[in-house]
């Protein structure tokens, strides 16, 4: 942990690195493509809207990671699915969950 700005709440504090995509093989790909954000412990693990406690926030961050990957690589949604096995942009506007926080 080091002092940085939390990606979700904006608080300057000791943060933890959150991998936007995780699971079998995805954590390593998140690191490879820099699909990580710095989160305070409350937004990462301990709070009621923490990414590991709240599916809506987790999905919003996954969708953000997918968009970030497409911007970095020039890839499409289909390219993302081929690389990561899933599309997180389908089924609603998850980014709004971050903005509403």
N, C-alpha and C. Protein backbone atom coordinates (compact mmCIF):
# COMPACT_ATOMS: atom_id res chain seq x y z
N UNK A 1 0.85 -1.19 0.00
CA UNK A 1 0.00 0.00 0.00
C UNK A 1 0.88 1.24 0.00
N UNK A 2 0.41 2.26 -0.70
CA UNK A 2 1.10 3.54 -0.68
C UNK A 2 0.08 4.66 -0.79
N UNK A 3 0.49 5.87 -0.42
CA UNK A 3 -0.40 7.03 -0.46
C UNK A 3 -0.66 7.44 -1.91
N UNK A 4 -1.91 7.34 -2.31
CA UNK A 4 -2.34 7.76 -3.64
C UNK A 4 -3.79 8.19 -3.53
N UNK A 5 -4.34 8.65 -4.64
CA UNK A 5 -5.74 9.05 -4.69
C UNK A 5 -6.59 7.83 -5.05
N UNK A 6 -7.64 7.58 -4.27
CA UNK A 6 -8.55 6.48 -4.54
C UNK A 6 -9.31 6.77 -5.83
N UNK A 7 -9.34 5.82 -6.72
CA UNK A 7 -10.01 5.96 -8.01
C UNK A 7 -11.51 6.21 -7.85
N UNK A 8 -12.12 5.63 -6.83
CA UNK A 8 -13.57 5.74 -6.66
C UNK A 8 -14.00 6.94 -5.82
N UNK A 9 -13.43 7.13 -4.65
CA UNK A 9 -13.90 8.21 -3.77
C UNK A 9 -13.03 9.46 -3.85
N UNK A 10 -11.84 9.33 -4.43
CA UNK A 10 -10.97 10.49 -4.58
C UNK A 10 -10.16 10.85 -3.35
N UNK A 11 -10.31 10.08 -2.30
CA UNK A 11 -9.58 10.37 -1.06
C UNK A 11 -8.10 10.07 -1.23
N UNK A 12 -7.25 10.94 -0.71
CA UNK A 12 -5.80 10.74 -0.70
C UNK A 12 -5.47 9.93 0.55
N UNK A 13 -5.00 8.70 0.35
CA UNK A 13 -4.75 7.81 1.48
C UNK A 13 -3.88 6.64 1.02
N UNK A 14 -3.65 5.72 1.92
CA UNK A 14 -2.95 4.49 1.54
C UNK A 14 -3.92 3.68 0.68
N UNK A 15 -3.47 3.28 -0.48
CA UNK A 15 -4.34 2.56 -1.40
C UNK A 15 -3.84 1.15 -1.66
N UNK A 16 -4.71 0.38 -2.25
CA UNK A 16 -4.41 -0.99 -2.65
C UNK A 16 -4.68 -1.09 -4.15
N UNK A 17 -3.91 -1.89 -4.84
CA UNK A 17 -4.11 -2.08 -6.28
C UNK A 17 -5.24 -3.06 -6.49
N UNK A 18 -6.21 -2.65 -7.30
CA UNK A 18 -7.32 -3.54 -7.67
C UNK A 18 -7.18 -3.89 -9.15
N UNK A 19 -7.17 -5.17 -9.45
CA UNK A 19 -7.13 -5.65 -10.83
C UNK A 19 -8.54 -5.62 -11.38
N UNK A 20 -8.74 -4.88 -12.47
CA UNK A 20 -10.08 -4.73 -13.02
C UNK A 20 -10.65 -6.05 -13.51
N UNK A 21 -9.79 -6.94 -13.97
CA UNK A 21 -10.19 -8.28 -14.39
C UNK A 21 -9.36 -9.27 -13.59
N UNK A 22 -10.03 -10.22 -12.98
CA UNK A 22 -9.31 -11.20 -12.17
C UNK A 22 -9.95 -12.56 -12.32
N UNK A 23 -9.28 -13.54 -11.84
CA UNK A 23 -9.71 -14.92 -12.02
C UNK A 23 -8.65 -15.65 -12.80
N UNK A 24 -8.95 -16.84 -13.23
CA UNK A 24 -7.98 -17.69 -13.90
C UNK A 24 -7.34 -16.98 -15.09
N UNK A 25 -6.08 -16.61 -14.94
CA UNK A 25 -5.31 -15.99 -16.00
C UNK A 25 -5.59 -14.52 -16.25
N UNK A 26 -6.70 -14.00 -15.73
CA UNK A 26 -7.07 -12.62 -16.02
C UNK A 26 -6.27 -11.60 -15.21
N UNK A 27 -5.86 -11.97 -14.02
CA UNK A 27 -5.07 -11.06 -13.19
C UNK A 27 -3.77 -10.71 -13.91
N UNK A 28 -3.13 -11.71 -14.47
CA UNK A 28 -1.88 -11.50 -15.20
C UNK A 28 -2.11 -10.61 -16.43
N UNK A 29 -3.23 -10.81 -17.15
CA UNK A 29 -3.56 -9.97 -18.29
C UNK A 29 -3.86 -8.54 -17.84
N UNK A 30 -4.52 -8.39 -16.69
CA UNK A 30 -4.77 -7.05 -16.14
C UNK A 30 -3.46 -6.32 -15.91
N UNK A 31 -2.48 -7.02 -15.38
CA UNK A 31 -1.17 -6.41 -15.15
C UNK A 31 -0.50 -6.09 -16.49
N UNK A 32 -0.57 -7.00 -17.43
CA UNK A 32 0.06 -6.81 -18.73
C UNK A 32 -0.47 -5.56 -19.44
N UNK A 33 -1.78 -5.34 -19.36
CA UNK A 33 -2.41 -4.21 -20.04
C UNK A 33 -2.66 -3.01 -19.12
N UNK A 34 -2.12 -3.04 -17.91
CA UNK A 34 -2.26 -1.95 -16.93
C UNK A 34 -3.73 -1.67 -16.63
N UNK A 35 -4.48 -2.73 -16.48
CA UNK A 35 -5.90 -2.61 -16.15
C UNK A 35 -6.07 -2.76 -14.64
N UNK A 36 -5.51 -1.79 -13.94
CA UNK A 36 -5.60 -1.75 -12.49
C UNK A 36 -5.96 -0.33 -12.06
N UNK A 37 -6.53 -0.22 -10.88
CA UNK A 37 -6.81 1.10 -10.29
C UNK A 37 -6.41 1.05 -8.82
N UNK A 38 -6.11 2.21 -8.28
CA UNK A 38 -5.78 2.33 -6.86
C UNK A 38 -7.06 2.63 -6.09
N UNK A 39 -7.31 1.83 -5.06
CA UNK A 39 -8.50 2.00 -4.24
C UNK A 39 -8.12 2.07 -2.76
N UNK A 40 -8.85 2.91 -2.01
CA UNK A 40 -8.67 2.91 -0.56
C UNK A 40 -9.25 1.59 -0.03
N UNK A 41 -8.86 1.16 1.17
CA UNK A 41 -9.38 -0.11 1.70
C UNK A 41 -10.91 -0.16 1.75
N UNK A 42 -11.55 0.97 2.07
CA UNK A 42 -13.01 0.98 2.15
C UNK A 42 -13.65 0.73 0.79
N UNK A 43 -13.12 1.36 -0.26
CA UNK A 43 -13.67 1.16 -1.61
C UNK A 43 -13.24 -0.17 -2.21
N UNK A 44 -12.16 -0.75 -1.69
CA UNK A 44 -11.66 -2.01 -2.23
C UNK A 44 -12.28 -3.23 -1.54
N UNK A 45 -12.26 -3.25 -0.19
CA UNK A 45 -12.63 -4.47 0.52
C UNK A 45 -13.65 -4.33 1.63
N UNK A 46 -13.64 -3.21 2.37
CA UNK A 46 -14.36 -3.18 3.64
C UNK A 46 -15.70 -2.48 3.64
N UNK A 47 -15.93 -1.54 2.75
CA UNK A 47 -17.18 -0.79 2.75
C UNK A 47 -18.32 -1.52 2.07
N UNK A 48 -19.56 -1.08 2.31
CA UNK A 48 -20.71 -1.73 1.68
C UNK A 48 -20.73 -1.58 0.16
N UNK A 49 -20.11 -0.54 -0.37
CA UNK A 49 -20.02 -0.36 -1.82
C UNK A 49 -18.62 -0.69 -2.32
N UNK A 50 -17.86 -1.44 -1.52
CA UNK A 50 -16.53 -1.87 -1.94
C UNK A 50 -16.65 -2.79 -3.14
N UNK A 51 -15.67 -2.71 -4.01
CA UNK A 51 -15.72 -3.47 -5.25
C UNK A 51 -15.85 -4.98 -5.00
N UNK A 52 -15.28 -5.47 -3.91
CA UNK A 52 -15.38 -6.90 -3.61
C UNK A 52 -16.64 -7.26 -2.83
N UNK A 53 -17.47 -6.26 -2.52
CA UNK A 53 -18.73 -6.50 -1.81
C UNK A 53 -19.95 -6.06 -2.63
N UNK A 54 -19.74 -5.48 -3.79
CA UNK A 54 -20.85 -4.89 -4.52
C UNK A 54 -20.71 -5.19 -6.01
N UNK A 55 -21.58 -6.02 -6.52
CA UNK A 55 -21.50 -6.45 -7.92
C UNK A 55 -21.66 -5.29 -8.90
N UNK A 56 -22.49 -4.32 -8.56
CA UNK A 56 -22.70 -3.18 -9.45
C UNK A 56 -21.41 -2.38 -9.64
N UNK A 57 -20.70 -2.13 -8.56
CA UNK A 57 -19.43 -1.41 -8.64
C UNK A 57 -18.39 -2.26 -9.36
N UNK A 58 -18.35 -3.55 -9.06
CA UNK A 58 -17.40 -4.45 -9.73
C UNK A 58 -17.64 -4.46 -11.24
N UNK A 59 -18.90 -4.54 -11.65
CA UNK A 59 -19.21 -4.53 -13.08
C UNK A 59 -18.87 -3.20 -13.74
N UNK A 60 -19.08 -2.10 -13.01
CA UNK A 60 -18.72 -0.79 -13.55
C UNK A 60 -17.22 -0.70 -13.80
N UNK A 61 -16.43 -1.22 -12.88
CA UNK A 61 -14.98 -1.19 -13.05
C UNK A 61 -14.53 -2.13 -14.16
N UNK A 62 -15.18 -3.27 -14.30
CA UNK A 62 -14.84 -4.18 -15.41
C UNK A 62 -15.14 -3.52 -16.75
N UNK A 63 -16.29 -2.84 -16.83
CA UNK A 63 -16.65 -2.13 -18.06
C UNK A 63 -15.64 -1.02 -18.35
N UNK A 64 -15.22 -0.32 -17.31
CA UNK A 64 -14.19 0.71 -17.47
C UNK A 64 -12.91 0.08 -18.01
N UNK A 65 -12.53 -1.07 -17.46
CA UNK A 65 -11.33 -1.77 -17.92
C UNK A 65 -11.43 -2.19 -19.38
N UNK A 66 -12.61 -2.65 -19.78
CA UNK A 66 -12.80 -3.05 -21.17
C UNK A 66 -12.65 -1.85 -22.10
N UNK A 67 -13.27 -0.72 -21.74
CA UNK A 67 -13.15 0.48 -22.56
C UNK A 67 -11.69 0.96 -22.61
N UNK A 68 -11.03 0.91 -21.47
CA UNK A 68 -9.62 1.33 -21.41
C UNK A 68 -8.78 0.44 -22.33
N UNK A 69 -9.00 -0.86 -22.30
CA UNK A 69 -8.25 -1.79 -23.15
C UNK A 69 -8.50 -1.47 -24.62
N UNK A 70 -9.77 -1.23 -24.98
CA UNK A 70 -10.08 -0.93 -26.38
C UNK A 70 -9.43 0.38 -26.83
N UNK A 71 -9.39 1.37 -25.96
CA UNK A 71 -8.73 2.63 -26.29
C UNK A 71 -7.22 2.43 -26.46
N UNK A 72 -6.62 1.64 -25.56
CA UNK A 72 -5.16 1.42 -25.61
C UNK A 72 -4.74 0.62 -26.83
N UNK A 73 -5.55 -0.34 -27.21
CA UNK A 73 -5.14 -1.28 -28.26
C UNK A 73 -5.79 -1.01 -29.61
N UNK A 74 -6.85 -0.21 -29.62
CA UNK A 74 -7.61 -0.02 -30.84
C UNK A 74 -8.50 -1.22 -31.15
N UNK A 75 -8.65 -2.10 -30.17
CA UNK A 75 -9.44 -3.31 -30.35
C UNK A 75 -10.93 -3.04 -30.26
N UNK A 76 -11.70 -4.02 -30.69
CA UNK A 76 -13.16 -3.96 -30.65
C UNK A 76 -13.68 -4.81 -29.50
N UNK A 77 -14.99 -4.77 -29.30
CA UNK A 77 -15.61 -5.63 -28.30
C UNK A 77 -15.32 -7.09 -28.64
N UNK A 78 -15.41 -7.46 -29.90
CA UNK A 78 -15.12 -8.84 -30.29
C UNK A 78 -13.67 -9.22 -29.99
N UNK A 79 -12.74 -8.29 -30.21
CA UNK A 79 -11.33 -8.54 -29.87
C UNK A 79 -11.16 -8.76 -28.38
N UNK A 80 -11.88 -7.94 -27.58
CA UNK A 80 -11.80 -8.08 -26.12
C UNK A 80 -12.32 -9.45 -25.69
N UNK A 81 -13.43 -9.87 -26.27
CA UNK A 81 -14.01 -11.17 -25.93
C UNK A 81 -13.03 -12.29 -26.27
N UNK A 82 -12.38 -12.19 -27.41
CA UNK A 82 -11.40 -13.22 -27.80
C UNK A 82 -10.24 -13.27 -26.81
N UNK A 83 -9.83 -12.11 -26.30
CA UNK A 83 -8.67 -12.04 -25.40
C UNK A 83 -9.03 -12.39 -23.96
N UNK A 84 -10.20 -11.90 -23.50
CA UNK A 84 -10.55 -12.02 -22.09
C UNK A 84 -11.74 -12.96 -21.83
N UNK A 85 -12.43 -13.40 -22.89
CA UNK A 85 -13.49 -14.38 -22.73
C UNK A 85 -14.85 -13.84 -22.40
N UNK A 86 -15.00 -12.52 -22.26
CA UNK A 86 -16.30 -11.97 -21.88
C UNK A 86 -16.37 -10.50 -22.24
N UNK A 87 -17.61 -10.03 -22.47
CA UNK A 87 -17.86 -8.62 -22.73
C UNK A 87 -18.56 -8.03 -21.51
N UNK A 88 -17.99 -7.01 -20.92
CA UNK A 88 -18.57 -6.39 -19.74
C UNK A 88 -19.40 -5.16 -20.07
N UNK A 89 -19.46 -4.75 -21.32
CA UNK A 89 -20.21 -3.55 -21.70
C UNK A 89 -21.66 -3.84 -22.02
N UNK A 90 -22.05 -5.09 -22.15
CA UNK A 90 -23.41 -5.47 -22.49
C UNK A 90 -24.30 -5.41 -21.25
N UNK A 91 -25.55 -5.03 -21.46
CA UNK A 91 -26.53 -5.17 -20.38
C UNK A 91 -26.72 -3.95 -19.51
N UNK A 92 -26.29 -2.79 -19.92
CA UNK A 92 -26.54 -1.59 -19.13
C UNK A 92 -25.35 -0.67 -19.07
N UNK A 93 -25.59 0.49 -18.55
CA UNK A 93 -24.54 1.49 -18.46
C UNK A 93 -23.90 1.42 -17.07
N UNK A 94 -22.93 0.51 -16.92
CA UNK A 94 -22.31 0.28 -15.62
C UNK A 94 -21.49 1.47 -15.13
N UNK A 95 -20.99 2.29 -16.06
CA UNK A 95 -20.18 3.43 -15.66
C UNK A 95 -20.96 4.38 -14.75
N UNK A 96 -22.27 4.43 -14.92
CA UNK A 96 -23.09 5.31 -14.10
C UNK A 96 -22.99 4.96 -12.62
N UNK A 97 -22.76 3.70 -12.32
CA UNK A 97 -22.62 3.28 -10.92
C UNK A 97 -21.44 3.98 -10.26
N UNK A 98 -20.37 4.19 -10.99
CA UNK A 98 -19.21 4.89 -10.43
C UNK A 98 -19.55 6.36 -10.24
N UNK A 99 -20.19 6.97 -11.24
CA UNK A 99 -20.52 8.38 -11.16
C UNK A 99 -21.51 8.67 -10.04
N UNK A 100 -22.42 7.74 -9.77
CA UNK A 100 -23.44 7.93 -8.74
C UNK A 100 -22.90 7.76 -7.33
N UNK A 101 -21.74 7.21 -7.22
CA UNK A 101 -21.16 6.94 -5.90
C UNK A 101 -20.95 8.23 -5.21
